[in-house]
């Protein structure tokens, strides 16, 4: 099947020059392309030493705090529970990397 007949009903011929307006199926407007960048991101949350200590103590008790625990801590720290959740996700990943690093060291010495 010749797809050119679907796009333009004019007969295509190599000997005949035809001025045809092209149809694009995407918007080339710059604001559309940058719409993802226009979303306002919340600034990074830096926790104080006291807050980090409290989060670390809770992490030692449970690496997966409940929603209620995260919300309670967030209220005390004057932040959203999502920042607390991300801190725990990062801490679990950091701990896992350290454990994997120790296993590699142990296996290399054997």
Protein backbone atom coordinates (compact mmCIF):
# COMPACT_ATOMS: atom_id res chain seq x y z
CA UNK A 1 0.00 0.00 0.00
CA UNK A 2 1.29 3.42 -0.95
CA UNK A 3 1.20 5.59 2.15
CA UNK A 4 1.59 8.81 0.17
CA UNK A 5 -2.00 8.50 -1.03
CA UNK A 6 -3.15 8.50 2.59
CA UNK A 7 -1.21 11.62 3.49
CA UNK A 8 -1.94 13.60 0.34
CA UNK A 9 -4.55 12.68 -2.24
CA UNK A 10 -2.55 14.43 -4.99
CA UNK A 11 -0.90 11.95 -7.35
CA UNK A 12 2.85 11.79 -6.71
CA UNK A 13 4.97 11.96 -9.79
CA UNK A 14 8.71 12.37 -10.23
CA UNK A 15 8.31 14.46 -13.36
CA UNK A 16 5.80 16.91 -11.94
CA UNK A 17 6.74 19.40 -9.19
CA UNK A 18 3.98 19.92 -6.69
CA UNK A 19 4.07 22.43 -3.87
CA UNK A 20 2.49 20.67 -0.93
CA UNK A 21 2.10 21.92 2.61
CA UNK A 22 3.40 19.34 5.03
CA UNK A 23 1.26 18.17 7.89
CA UNK A 24 2.95 17.47 11.21
CA UNK A 25 1.22 15.53 13.94
CA UNK A 26 3.14 17.10 16.82
CA UNK A 27 3.27 20.59 18.17
CA UNK A 28 6.60 22.24 17.63
CA UNK A 29 5.78 25.15 19.92
CA UNK A 30 8.58 25.79 22.47
CA UNK A 31 6.25 26.19 25.46
CA UNK A 32 4.87 22.71 24.84
CA UNK A 33 8.35 21.23 24.73
CA UNK A 34 9.35 22.95 27.98
CA UNK A 35 6.10 22.33 29.83
CA UNK A 36 7.75 19.65 31.96
CA UNK A 37 10.42 22.14 33.05
CA UNK A 38 7.80 24.68 34.05
CA UNK A 39 6.56 22.48 36.90
CA UNK A 40 7.60 24.01 40.20
CA UNK A 41 9.73 21.61 42.21
CA UNK A 42 9.85 21.85 45.95
CA UNK A 43 13.33 22.70 47.23
CA UNK A 44 15.46 19.97 48.74
CA UNK A 45 14.89 19.38 52.42
CA UNK A 46 17.94 19.55 54.66
CA UNK A 47 17.45 18.07 58.08
CA UNK A 48 19.27 19.39 61.12
CA UNK A 49 21.64 17.17 63.12
CA UNK A 50 18.96 16.68 65.81
CA UNK A 51 16.38 15.70 63.21
CA UNK A 52 18.81 13.28 61.53
CA UNK A 53 19.53 11.70 64.90
CA UNK A 54 15.82 11.26 65.58
CA UNK A 55 15.25 9.79 62.11
CA UNK A 56 18.22 7.44 62.60
CA UNK A 57 16.85 6.23 65.93
CA UNK A 58 13.49 5.53 64.33
CA UNK A 59 15.25 3.76 61.46
CA UNK A 60 17.02 1.47 63.93
CA UNK A 61 13.62 0.60 65.39
CA UNK A 62 11.94 0.09 62.03
CA UNK A 63 13.28 0.79 58.52
CA UNK A 64 9.67 0.91 57.24
CA UNK A 65 7.69 3.36 59.40
CA UNK A 66 3.93 3.48 58.97
CA UNK A 67 2.13 6.40 57.39
CA UNK A 68 1.01 7.58 60.82
CA UNK A 69 4.59 7.56 62.13
CA UNK A 70 5.82 9.49 59.09
CA UNK A 71 3.03 12.05 59.42
CA UNK A 72 3.74 12.49 63.13
CA UNK A 73 7.44 13.12 62.48
CA UNK A 74 6.61 15.45 59.59
CA UNK A 75 4.39 17.56 61.85
CA UNK A 76 7.17 17.84 64.43
CA UNK A 77 9.74 18.74 61.75
CA UNK A 78 7.34 21.15 60.00
CA UNK A 79 7.64 19.36 56.66
CA UNK A 80 5.55 16.95 54.60
CA UNK A 81 5.51 13.21 55.15
CA UNK A 82 6.87 12.71 51.61
CA UNK A 83 10.22 14.20 52.68
CA UNK A 84 10.32 11.77 55.59
CA UNK A 85 9.44 8.88 53.27
CA UNK A 86 12.22 9.84 50.86
CA UNK A 87 14.71 10.05 53.73
CA UNK A 88 13.84 6.47 54.71
CA UNK A 89 14.07 5.27 51.11
CA UNK A 90 17.50 6.84 50.75
CA UNK A 91 18.65 5.43 54.08
CA UNK A 92 17.53 1.90 53.14
CA UNK A 93 19.38 2.19 49.82
CA UNK A 94 22.51 3.48 51.57
CA UNK A 95 22.38 0.64 54.09
CA UNK A 96 21.93 -1.93 51.33
CA UNK A 97 24.93 -0.54 49.42
CA UNK A 98 27.07 -0.75 52.56
CA UNK A 99 26.00 -4.35 53.21
CA UNK A 100 26.73 -5.34 49.62
CA UNK A 101 30.12 -3.63 49.84
CA UNK A 102 31.00 -5.60 52.97
CA UNK A 103 29.99 -8.88 51.32
CA UNK A 104 32.24 -8.14 48.36
CA UNK A 105 35.15 -7.35 50.70
CA UNK A 106 34.61 -10.58 52.65
CA UNK A 107 34.48 -12.71 49.52
CA UNK A 108 37.63 -11.10 48.13
CA UNK A 109 39.64 -11.91 51.27
CA UNK A 110 38.60 -15.56 51.30
